[in-house]
């Protein structure tokens, strides 16, 4: 994702800066997606993700579809619902 774009993106709910989800957490997310799908608000994600964004506190994850961040409040994933540490 373009660094300039990433520098201006914030969570629409908490207004925290967003960062790319690190490789380890993205792998864990994709494992969960592969096992049974993951619910991003009203959207059930069944295809693995190439990238995702996470809030500074690591509590909310937003998917990126075809390079476009889906920053809708109702489409965030509660990171606590995934196994592993919640740090971004």
PDB file of N, CA and C in Angstrom:
ATOM      1  N   UNK A   1       0.846  -1.167   0.000  1.00  0.00           N
ATOM      2  CA  UNK A   1       0.000   0.000   0.000  1.00  0.00           C
ATOM      3  C   UNK A   1       0.895   1.234   0.000  1.00  0.00           C
ATOM      4  N   UNK A   2       0.442   2.243  -0.700  1.00  0.00           N
ATOM      5  CA  UNK A   2       1.186   3.483  -0.824  1.00  0.00           C
ATOM      6  C   UNK A   2       1.419   4.116   0.550  1.00  0.00           C
ATOM      7  N   UNK A   3       2.658   4.450   0.844  1.00  0.00           N
ATOM      8  CA  UNK A   3       3.017   5.028   2.153  1.00  0.00           C
ATOM      9  C   UNK A   3       2.292   6.348   2.419  1.00  0.00           C
ATOM     10  N   UNK A   4       2.153   7.183   1.404  1.00  0.00           N
ATOM     11  CA  UNK A   4       1.470   8.463   1.585  1.00  0.00           C
ATOM     12  C   UNK A   4       0.013   8.252   1.982  1.00  0.00           C
ATOM     13  N   UNK A   5      -0.640   7.295   1.349  1.00  0.00           N
ATOM     14  CA  UNK A   5      -2.021   6.991   1.694  1.00  0.00           C
ATOM     15  C   UNK A   5      -2.101   6.436   3.107  1.00  0.00           C
ATOM     16  N   UNK A   6      -1.219   5.524   3.431  1.00  0.00           N
ATOM     17  CA  UNK A   6      -1.216   4.916   4.754  1.00  0.00           C
ATOM     18  C   UNK A   6      -0.986   5.964   5.851  1.00  0.00           C
ATOM     19  N   UNK A   7      -0.190   6.971   5.557  1.00  0.00           N
ATOM     20  CA  UNK A   7       0.090   8.028   6.535  1.00  0.00           C
ATOM     21  C   UNK A   7      -1.143   8.852   6.905  1.00  0.00           C
ATOM     22  N   UNK A   8      -2.136   8.907   6.033  1.00  0.00           N
ATOM     23  CA  UNK A   8      -3.315   9.730   6.320  1.00  0.00           C
ATOM     24  C   UNK A   8      -4.530   8.929   6.757  1.00  0.00           C
ATOM     25  N   UNK A   9      -4.469   7.604   6.633  1.00  0.00           N
ATOM     26  CA  UNK A   9      -5.626   6.782   7.000  1.00  0.00           C
ATOM     27  C   UNK A   9      -5.748   6.638   8.511  1.00  0.00           C
ATOM     28  N   UNK A  10      -6.985   6.739   8.992  1.00  0.00           N
ATOM     29  CA  UNK A  10      -7.273   6.530  10.407  1.00  0.00           C
ATOM     30  C   UNK A  10      -8.510   5.658  10.533  1.00  0.00           C
ATOM     31  N   UNK A  11      -8.655   5.036  11.675  1.00  0.00           N
ATOM     32  CA  UNK A  11      -9.840   4.245  11.978  1.00  0.00           C
ATOM     33  C   UNK A  11     -11.038   5.199  12.032  1.00  0.00           C
ATOM     34  N   UNK A  12     -12.135   4.880  11.342  1.00  0.00           N
ATOM     35  CA  UNK A  12     -13.292   5.765  11.369  1.00  0.00           C
ATOM     36  C   UNK A  12     -14.010   5.798  12.716  1.00  0.00           C
ATOM     37  N   UNK A  13     -13.734   4.842  13.572  1.00  0.00           N
ATOM     38  CA  UNK A  13     -14.388   4.772  14.878  1.00  0.00           C
ATOM     39  C   UNK A  13     -13.543   5.444  15.953  1.00  0.00           C
ATOM     40  N   UNK A  14     -12.284   5.034  16.065  1.00  0.00           N
ATOM     41  CA  UNK A  14     -11.420   5.507  17.155  1.00  0.00           C
ATOM     42  C   UNK A  14     -10.510   6.668  16.751  1.00  0.00           C
ATOM     43  N   UNK A  15     -10.381   6.920  15.448  1.00  0.00           N
ATOM     44  CA  UNK A  15      -9.504   7.951  14.890  1.00  0.00           C
ATOM     45  C   UNK A  15      -8.021   7.638  15.109  1.00  0.00           C
ATOM     46  N   UNK A  16      -7.714   6.410  15.462  1.00  0.00           N
ATOM     47  CA  UNK A  16      -6.314   5.996  15.614  1.00  0.00           C
ATOM     48  C   UNK A  16      -5.687   5.791  14.242  1.00  0.00           C
ATOM     49  N   UNK A  17      -4.397   6.056  14.127  1.00  0.00           N
ATOM     50  CA  UNK A  17      -3.704   5.757  12.865  1.00  0.00           C
ATOM     51  C   UNK A  17      -3.782   4.263  12.562  1.00  0.00           C
ATOM     52  N   UNK A  18      -3.718   3.947  11.277  1.00  0.00           N
ATOM     53  CA  UNK A  18      -3.736   2.560  10.838  1.00  0.00           C
ATOM     54  C   UNK A  18      -2.364   2.175  10.302  1.00  0.00           C
ATOM     55  N   UNK A  19      -2.030   0.913  10.448  1.00  0.00           N
ATOM     56  CA  UNK A  19      -0.783   0.369   9.921  1.00  0.00           C
ATOM     57  C   UNK A  19      -1.097  -0.940   9.223  1.00  0.00           C
ATOM     58  N   UNK A  20      -0.197  -1.366   8.359  1.00  0.00           N
ATOM     59  CA  UNK A  20      -0.395  -2.659   7.719  1.00  0.00           C
ATOM     60  C   UNK A  20      -0.262  -3.754   8.768  1.00  0.00           C
ATOM     61  N   UNK A  21      -1.112  -4.738   8.665  1.00  0.00           N
ATOM     62  CA  UNK A  21      -1.049  -5.891   9.554  1.00  0.00           C
ATOM     63  C   UNK A  21       0.237  -6.648   9.249  1.00  0.00           C
ATOM     64  N   UNK A  22       1.017  -6.962  10.282  1.00  0.00           N
ATOM     65  CA  UNK A  22       2.299  -7.633  10.065  1.00  0.00           C
ATOM     66  C   UNK A  22       2.092  -9.049   9.530  1.00  0.00           C
ATOM     67  N   UNK A  23       3.165  -9.606   8.978  1.00  0.00           N
ATOM     68  CA  UNK A  23       3.106 -10.908   8.321  1.00  0.00           C
ATOM     69  C   UNK A  23       2.583 -12.028   9.198  1.00  0.00           C
ATOM     70  N   UNK A  24       3.008 -12.068  10.449  1.00  0.00           N
ATOM     71  CA  UNK A  24       2.577 -13.128  11.370  1.00  0.00           C
ATOM     72  C   UNK A  24       1.073 -13.054  11.632  1.00  0.00           C
ATOM     73  N   UNK A  25       0.579 -11.868  11.892  1.00  0.00           N
ATOM     74  CA  UNK A  25      -0.859 -11.698  12.166  1.00  0.00           C
ATOM     75  C   UNK A  25      -1.694 -11.889  10.902  1.00  0.00           C
ATOM     76  N   UNK A  26      -1.163 -11.477   9.744  1.00  0.00           N
ATOM     77  CA  UNK A  26      -1.870 -11.696   8.487  1.00  0.00           C
ATOM     78  C   UNK A  26      -1.980 -13.190   8.209  1.00  0.00           C
ATOM     79  N   UNK A  27      -0.916 -13.916   8.505  1.00  0.00           N
ATOM     80  CA  UNK A  27      -0.939 -15.368   8.333  1.00  0.00           C
ATOM     81  C   UNK A  27      -1.980 -16.002   9.257  1.00  0.00           C
ATOM     82  N   UNK A  28      -2.050 -15.557  10.512  1.00  0.00           N
ATOM     83  CA  UNK A  28      -3.052 -16.078  11.454  1.00  0.00           C
ATOM     84  C   UNK A  28      -4.464 -15.751  10.980  1.00  0.00           C
ATOM     85  N   UNK A  29      -4.648 -14.542  10.468  1.00  0.00           N
ATOM     86  CA  UNK A  29      -5.952 -14.142   9.945  1.00  0.00           C
ATOM     87  C   UNK A  29      -6.342 -15.015   8.759  1.00  0.00           C
ATOM     88  N   UNK A  30      -5.413 -15.232   7.847  1.00  0.00           N
ATOM     89  CA  UNK A  30      -5.695 -16.066   6.676  1.00  0.00           C
ATOM     90  C   UNK A  30      -5.941 -17.519   7.052  1.00  0.00           C
ATOM     91  N   UNK A  31      -5.283 -17.992   8.110  1.00  0.00           N
ATOM     92  CA  UNK A  31      -5.549 -19.351   8.593  1.00  0.00           C
ATOM     93  C   UNK A  31      -6.984 -19.452   9.083  1.00  0.00           C
ATOM     94  N   UNK A  32      -7.426 -18.466   9.840  1.00  0.00           N
ATOM     95  CA  UNK A  32      -8.812 -18.442  10.334  1.00  0.00           C
ATOM     96  C   UNK A  32      -9.797 -18.352   9.173  1.00  0.00           C
ATOM     97  N   UNK A  33      -9.461 -17.547   8.176  1.00  0.00           N
ATOM     98  CA  UNK A  33     -10.325 -17.429   6.995  1.00  0.00           C
ATOM     99  C   UNK A  33     -10.422 -18.775   6.292  1.00  0.00           C
ATOM    100  N   UNK A  34      -9.291 -19.454   6.152  1.00  0.00           N
ATOM    101  CA  UNK A  34      -9.269 -20.744   5.472  1.00  0.00           C
ATOM    102  C   UNK A  34     -10.022 -21.832   6.209  1.00  0.00           C
ATOM    103  N   UNK A  35     -10.073 -21.755   7.520  1.00  0.00           N
ATOM    104  CA  UNK A  35     -10.733 -22.791   8.304  1.00  0.00           C
ATOM    105  C   UNK A  35     -12.248 -22.679   8.246  1.00  0.00           C
ATOM    106  N   UNK A  36     -12.773 -21.478   8.438  1.00  0.00           N
ATOM    107  CA  UNK A  36     -14.231 -21.362   8.473  1.00  0.00           C
ATOM    108  C   UNK A  36     -14.732 -20.011   7.999  1.00  0.00           C
ATOM    109  N   UNK A  37     -13.839 -19.187   7.483  1.00  0.00           N
ATOM    110  CA  UNK A  37     -14.227 -17.836   7.099  1.00  0.00           C
ATOM    111  C   UNK A  37     -14.202 -16.932   8.315  1.00  0.00           C
ATOM    112  N   UNK A  38     -14.118 -15.643   8.082  1.00  0.00           N
ATOM    113  CA  UNK A  38     -14.075 -14.650   9.149  1.00  0.00           C
ATOM    114  C   UNK A  38     -15.111 -13.588   8.824  1.00  0.00           C
ATOM    115  N   UNK A  39     -15.824 -13.172   9.830  1.00  0.00           N
ATOM    116  CA  UNK A  39     -16.884 -12.189   9.662  1.00  0.00           C
ATOM    117  C   UNK A  39     -16.349 -10.775   9.869  1.00  0.00           C
ATOM    118  N   UNK A  40     -16.284  -9.994   8.799  1.00  0.00           N
ATOM    119  CA  UNK A  40     -15.946  -8.577   8.852  1.00  0.00           C
ATOM    120  C   UNK A  40     -17.274  -7.827   8.810  1.00  0.00           C
ATOM    121  N   UNK A  41     -17.865  -7.603   9.958  1.00  0.00           N
ATOM    122  CA  UNK A  41     -19.180  -6.970   9.990  1.00  0.00           C
ATOM    123  C   UNK A  41     -20.187  -7.834   9.252  1.00  0.00           C
ATOM    124  N   UNK A  42     -20.830  -7.272   8.251  1.00  0.00           N
ATOM    125  CA  UNK A  42     -21.818  -8.017   7.475  1.00  0.00           C
ATOM    126  C   UNK A  42     -21.208  -8.815   6.336  1.00  0.00           C
ATOM    127  N   UNK A  43     -19.897  -8.755   6.180  1.00  0.00           N
ATOM    128  CA  UNK A  43     -19.210  -9.439   5.078  1.00  0.00           C
ATOM    129  C   UNK A  43     -18.460 -10.660   5.599  1.00  0.00           C
ATOM    130  N   UNK A  44     -18.796 -11.816   5.054  1.00  0.00           N
ATOM    131  CA  UNK A  44     -18.084 -13.049   5.423  1.00  0.00           C
ATOM    132  C   UNK A  44     -16.922 -13.232   4.467  1.00  0.00           C
ATOM    133  N   UNK A  45     -15.704 -13.138   4.989  1.00  0.00           N
ATOM    134  CA  UNK A  45     -14.495 -13.261   4.183  1.00  0.00           C
ATOM    135  C   UNK A  45     -14.106 -14.727   4.080  1.00  0.00           C
ATOM    136  N   UNK A  46     -14.121 -15.257   2.857  1.00  0.00           N
ATOM    137  CA  UNK A  46     -13.747 -16.659   2.661  1.00  0.00           C
ATOM    138  C   UNK A  46     -12.485 -16.799   1.809  1.00  0.00           C
ATOM    139  N   UNK A  47     -12.062 -15.723   1.177  1.00  0.00           N
ATOM    140  CA  UNK A  47     -10.824 -15.724   0.399  1.00  0.00           C
ATOM    141  C   UNK A  47      -9.716 -15.097   1.239  1.00  0.00           C
ATOM    142  N   UNK A  48      -8.507 -15.646   1.139  1.00  0.00           N
ATOM    143  CA  UNK A  48      -7.400 -15.091   1.908  1.00  0.00           C
ATOM    144  C   UNK A  48      -7.111 -13.655   1.468  1.00  0.00           C
ATOM    145  N   UNK A  49      -6.532 -12.899   2.373  1.00  0.00           N
ATOM    146  CA  UNK A  49      -6.223 -11.498   2.124  1.00  0.00           C
ATOM    147  C   UNK A  49      -4.742 -11.318   1.831  1.00  0.00           C
ATOM    148  N   UNK A  50      -4.436 -10.410   0.925  1.00  0.00           N
ATOM    149  CA  UNK A  50      -3.039 -10.062   0.649  1.00  0.00           C
ATOM    150  C   UNK A  50      -2.548  -9.009   1.622  1.00  0.00           C
ATOM    151  N   UNK A  51      -3.491  -8.178   2.103  1.00  0.00           N
ATOM    152  CA  UNK A  51      -3.127  -7.165   3.097  1.00  0.00           C
ATOM    153  C   UNK A  51      -4.351  -6.773   3.900  1.00  0.00           C
ATOM    154  N   UNK A  52      -4.074  -6.234   5.071  1.00  0.00           N
ATOM    155  CA  UNK A  52      -5.113  -5.737   5.973  1.00  0.00           C
ATOM    156  C   UNK A  52      -4.497  -4.628   6.803  1.00  0.00           C
ATOM    157  N   UNK A  53      -5.355  -3.802   7.392  1.00  0.00           N
ATOM    158  CA  UNK A  53      -4.900  -2.693   8.222  1.00  0.00           C
ATOM    159  C   UNK A  53      -5.355  -2.909   9.654  1.00  0.00           C
ATOM    160  N   UNK A  54      -4.571  -2.413  10.587  1.00  0.00           N
ATOM    161  CA  UNK A  54      -4.870  -2.586  11.999  1.00  0.00           C
ATOM    162  C   UNK A  54      -4.690  -1.245  12.720  1.00  0.00           C
ATOM    163  N   UNK A  55      -5.517  -1.016  13.721  1.00  0.00           N
ATOM    164  CA  UNK A  55      -5.391   0.205  14.514  1.00  0.00           C
ATOM    165  C   UNK A  55      -4.134   0.142  15.375  1.00  0.00           C
ATOM    166  N   UNK A  56      -3.702   1.299  15.828  1.00  0.00           N
ATOM    167  CA  UNK A  56      -2.485   1.374  16.639  1.00  0.00           C
ATOM    168  C   UNK A  56      -2.556   0.467  17.863  1.00  0.00           C
ATOM    169  N   UNK A  57      -3.733   0.390  18.510  1.00  0.00           N
ATOM    170  CA  UNK A  57      -3.868  -0.462  19.690  1.00  0.00           C
ATOM    171  C   UNK A  57      -4.076  -1.934  19.342  1.00  0.00           C
ATOM    172  N   UNK A  58      -4.182  -2.248  18.052  1.00  0.00           N
ATOM    173  CA  UNK A  58      -4.295  -3.633  17.614  1.00  0.00           C
ATOM    174  C   UNK A  58      -5.659  -4.256  17.825  1.00  0.00           C
ATOM    175  N   UNK A  59      -6.675  -3.470  18.124  1.00  0.00           N
ATOM    176  CA  UNK A  59      -7.986  -4.041  18.448  1.00  0.00           C
ATOM    177  C   UNK A  59      -8.945  -4.159  17.270  1.00  0.00           C
ATOM    178  N   UNK A  60      -8.723  -3.396  16.200  1.00  0.00           N
ATOM    179  CA  UNK A  60      -9.613  -3.443  15.042  1.00  0.00           C
ATOM    180  C   UNK A  60      -8.795  -3.691  13.784  1.00  0.00           C
ATOM    181  N   UNK A  61      -9.318  -4.596  12.949  1.00  0.00           N
ATOM    182  CA  UNK A  61      -8.657  -4.925  11.688  1.00  0.00           C
ATOM    183  C   UNK A  61      -9.628  -4.619  10.553  1.00  0.00           C
ATOM    184  N   UNK A  62      -9.106  -3.986   9.518  1.00  0.00           N
ATOM    185  CA  UNK A  62      -9.880  -3.677   8.325  1.00  0.00           C
ATOM    186  C   UNK A  62      -9.270  -4.410   7.138  1.00  0.00           C
ATOM    187  N   UNK A  63     -10.100  -5.029   6.333  1.00  0.00           N
ATOM    188  CA  UNK A  63      -9.588  -5.734   5.157  1.00  0.00           C
ATOM    189  C   UNK A  63      -9.271  -4.725   4.060  1.00  0.00           C
ATOM    190  N   UNK A  64      -8.421  -5.148   3.138  1.00  0.00           N
ATOM    191  CA  UNK A  64      -8.088  -4.360   1.962  1.00  0.00           C
ATOM    192  C   UNK A  64      -8.466  -5.221   0.763  1.00  0.00           C
ATOM    193  N   UNK A  65      -9.434  -4.743  -0.019  1.00  0.00           N
ATOM    194  CA  UNK A  65      -9.911  -5.473  -1.197  1.00  0.00           C
ATOM    195  C   UNK A  65      -9.321  -4.860  -2.453  1.00  0.00           C
ATOM    196  N   UNK A  66      -8.536  -5.638  -3.184  1.00  0.00           N
ATOM    197  CA  UNK A  66      -7.930  -5.168  -4.438  1.00  0.00           C
ATOM    198  C   UNK A  66      -7.225  -3.827  -4.258  1.00  0.00           C
ATOM    199  N   UNK A  67      -6.494  -3.681  -3.150  1.00  0.00           N
ATOM    200  CA  UNK A  67      -5.732  -2.479  -2.883  1.00  0.00           C
ATOM    201  C   UNK A  67      -6.541  -1.331  -2.295  1.00  0.00           C
ATOM    202  N   UNK A  68      -7.834  -1.553  -2.061  1.00  0.00           N
ATOM    203  CA  UNK A  68      -8.698  -0.500  -1.530  1.00  0.00           C
ATOM    204  C   UNK A  68      -9.085  -0.838  -0.095  1.00  0.00           C
ATOM    205  N   UNK A  69      -8.685  -0.004   0.876  1.00  0.00           N
ATOM    206  CA  UNK A  69      -9.060  -0.252   2.274  1.00  0.00           C
ATOM    207  C   UNK A  69     -10.573  -0.111   2.458  1.00  0.00           C
ATOM    208  N   UNK A  70     -11.164  -1.066   3.144  1.00  0.00           N
ATOM    209  CA  UNK A  70     -12.596  -1.023   3.451  1.00  0.00           C
ATOM    210  C   UNK A  70     -12.719  -0.469   4.871  1.00  0.00           C
ATOM    211  N   UNK A  71     -12.868   0.845   4.970  1.00  0.00           N
ATOM    212  CA  UNK A  71     -12.846   1.526   6.259  1.00  0.00           C
ATOM    213  C   UNK A  71     -14.250   1.899   6.724  1.00  0.00           C
ATOM    214  N   UNK A  72     -15.144   0.965   6.660  1.00  0.00           N
ATOM    215  CA  UNK A  72     -16.501   1.179   7.146  1.00  0.00           C
ATOM    216  C   UNK A  72     -16.570   0.679   8.586  1.00  0.00           C
ATOM    217  N   UNK A  73     -17.137   1.489   9.495  1.00  0.00           N
ATOM    218  CA  UNK A  73     -17.194   1.075  10.903  1.00  0.00           C
ATOM    219  C   UNK A  73     -17.808  -0.307  11.106  1.00  0.00           C
ATOM    220  N   UNK A  74     -18.824  -0.628  10.337  1.00  0.00           N
ATOM    221  CA  UNK A  74     -19.503  -1.921  10.495  1.00  0.00           C
ATOM    222  C   UNK A  74     -18.760  -3.078   9.845  1.00  0.00           C
ATOM    223  N   UNK A  75     -17.673  -2.798   9.147  1.00  0.00           N
ATOM    224  CA  UNK A  75     -16.918  -3.842   8.457  1.00  0.00           C
ATOM    225  C   UNK A  75     -15.589  -4.166   9.140  1.00  0.00           C
ATOM    226  N   UNK A  76     -15.362  -3.657  10.330  1.00  0.00           N
ATOM    227  CA  UNK A  76     -14.124  -3.938  11.059  1.00  0.00           C
ATOM    228  C   UNK A  76     -14.226  -5.295  11.746  1.00  0.00           C
ATOM    229  N   UNK A  77     -13.096  -5.930  11.904  1.00  0.00           N
ATOM    230  CA  UNK A  77     -12.996  -7.196  12.624  1.00  0.00           C
ATOM    231  C   UNK A  77     -12.429  -6.910  14.000  1.00  0.00           C
ATOM    232  N   UNK A  78     -13.072  -7.435  15.028  1.00  0.00           N
ATOM    233  CA  UNK A  78     -12.540  -7.338  16.384  1.00  0.00           C
ATOM    234  C   UNK A  78     -11.346  -8.285  16.464  1.00  0.00           C
ATOM    235  N   UNK A  79     -10.147  -7.721  16.607  1.00  0.00           N
ATOM    236  CA  UNK A  79      -8.926  -8.532  16.610  1.00  0.00           C
ATOM    237  C   UNK A  79      -8.907  -9.539  17.754  1.00  0.00           C
ATOM    238  N   UNK A  80      -9.640  -9.272  18.837  1.00  0.00           N
ATOM    239  CA  UNK A  80      -9.700 -10.211  19.944  1.00  0.00           C
ATOM    240  C   UNK A  80     -10.351 -11.526  19.586  1.00  0.00           C
ATOM    241  N   UNK A  81     -11.079 -11.551  18.463  1.00  0.00           N
ATOM    242  CA  UNK A  81     -11.720 -12.787  18.042  1.00  0.00           C
ATOM    243  C   UNK A  81     -10.742 -13.745  17.361  1.00  0.00           C
ATOM    244  N   UNK A  82      -9.519 -13.266  17.095  1.00  0.00           N
ATOM    245  CA  UNK A  82      -8.477 -14.113  16.510  1.00  0.00           C
ATOM    246  C   UNK A  82      -7.538 -14.610  17.589  1.00  0.00           C
ATOM    247  N   UNK A  83      -6.946 -15.747  17.384  1.00  0.00           N
ATOM    248  CA  UNK A  83      -5.940 -16.256  18.310  1.00  0.00           C
ATOM    249  C   UNK A  83      -4.662 -15.451  18.165  1.00  0.00           C
ATOM    250  N   UNK A  84      -3.908 -15.343  19.214  1.00  0.00           N
ATOM    251  CA  UNK A  84      -2.620 -14.676  19.158  1.00  0.00           C
ATOM    252  C   UNK A  84      -2.677 -13.307  19.796  1.00  0.00           C
ATOM    253  N   UNK A  85      -1.526 -12.636  19.880  1.00  0.00           N
ATOM    254  CA  UNK A  85      -1.432 -11.342  20.525  1.00  0.00           C
ATOM    255  C   UNK A  85      -2.186 -10.274  19.734  1.00  0.00           C
ATOM    256  N   UNK A  86      -2.686  -9.266  20.416  1.00  0.00           N
ATOM    257  CA  UNK A  86      -3.468  -8.211  19.782  1.00  0.00           C
ATOM    258  C   UNK A  86      -2.635  -7.004  19.403  1.00  0.00           C
ATOM    259  N   UNK A  87      -1.348  -7.091  19.438  1.00  0.00           N
ATOM    260  CA  UNK A  87      -0.515  -5.941  19.119  1.00  0.00           C
ATOM    261  C   UNK A  87      -0.399  -5.799  17.613  1.00  0.00           C
ATOM    262  N   UNK A  88      -0.428  -4.535  17.137  1.00  0.00           N
ATOM    263  CA  UNK A  88      -0.381  -4.236  15.702  1.00  0.00           C
ATOM    264  C   UNK A  88       1.004  -4.070  15.169  1.00  0.00           C
TER     265      UNK A  88
END
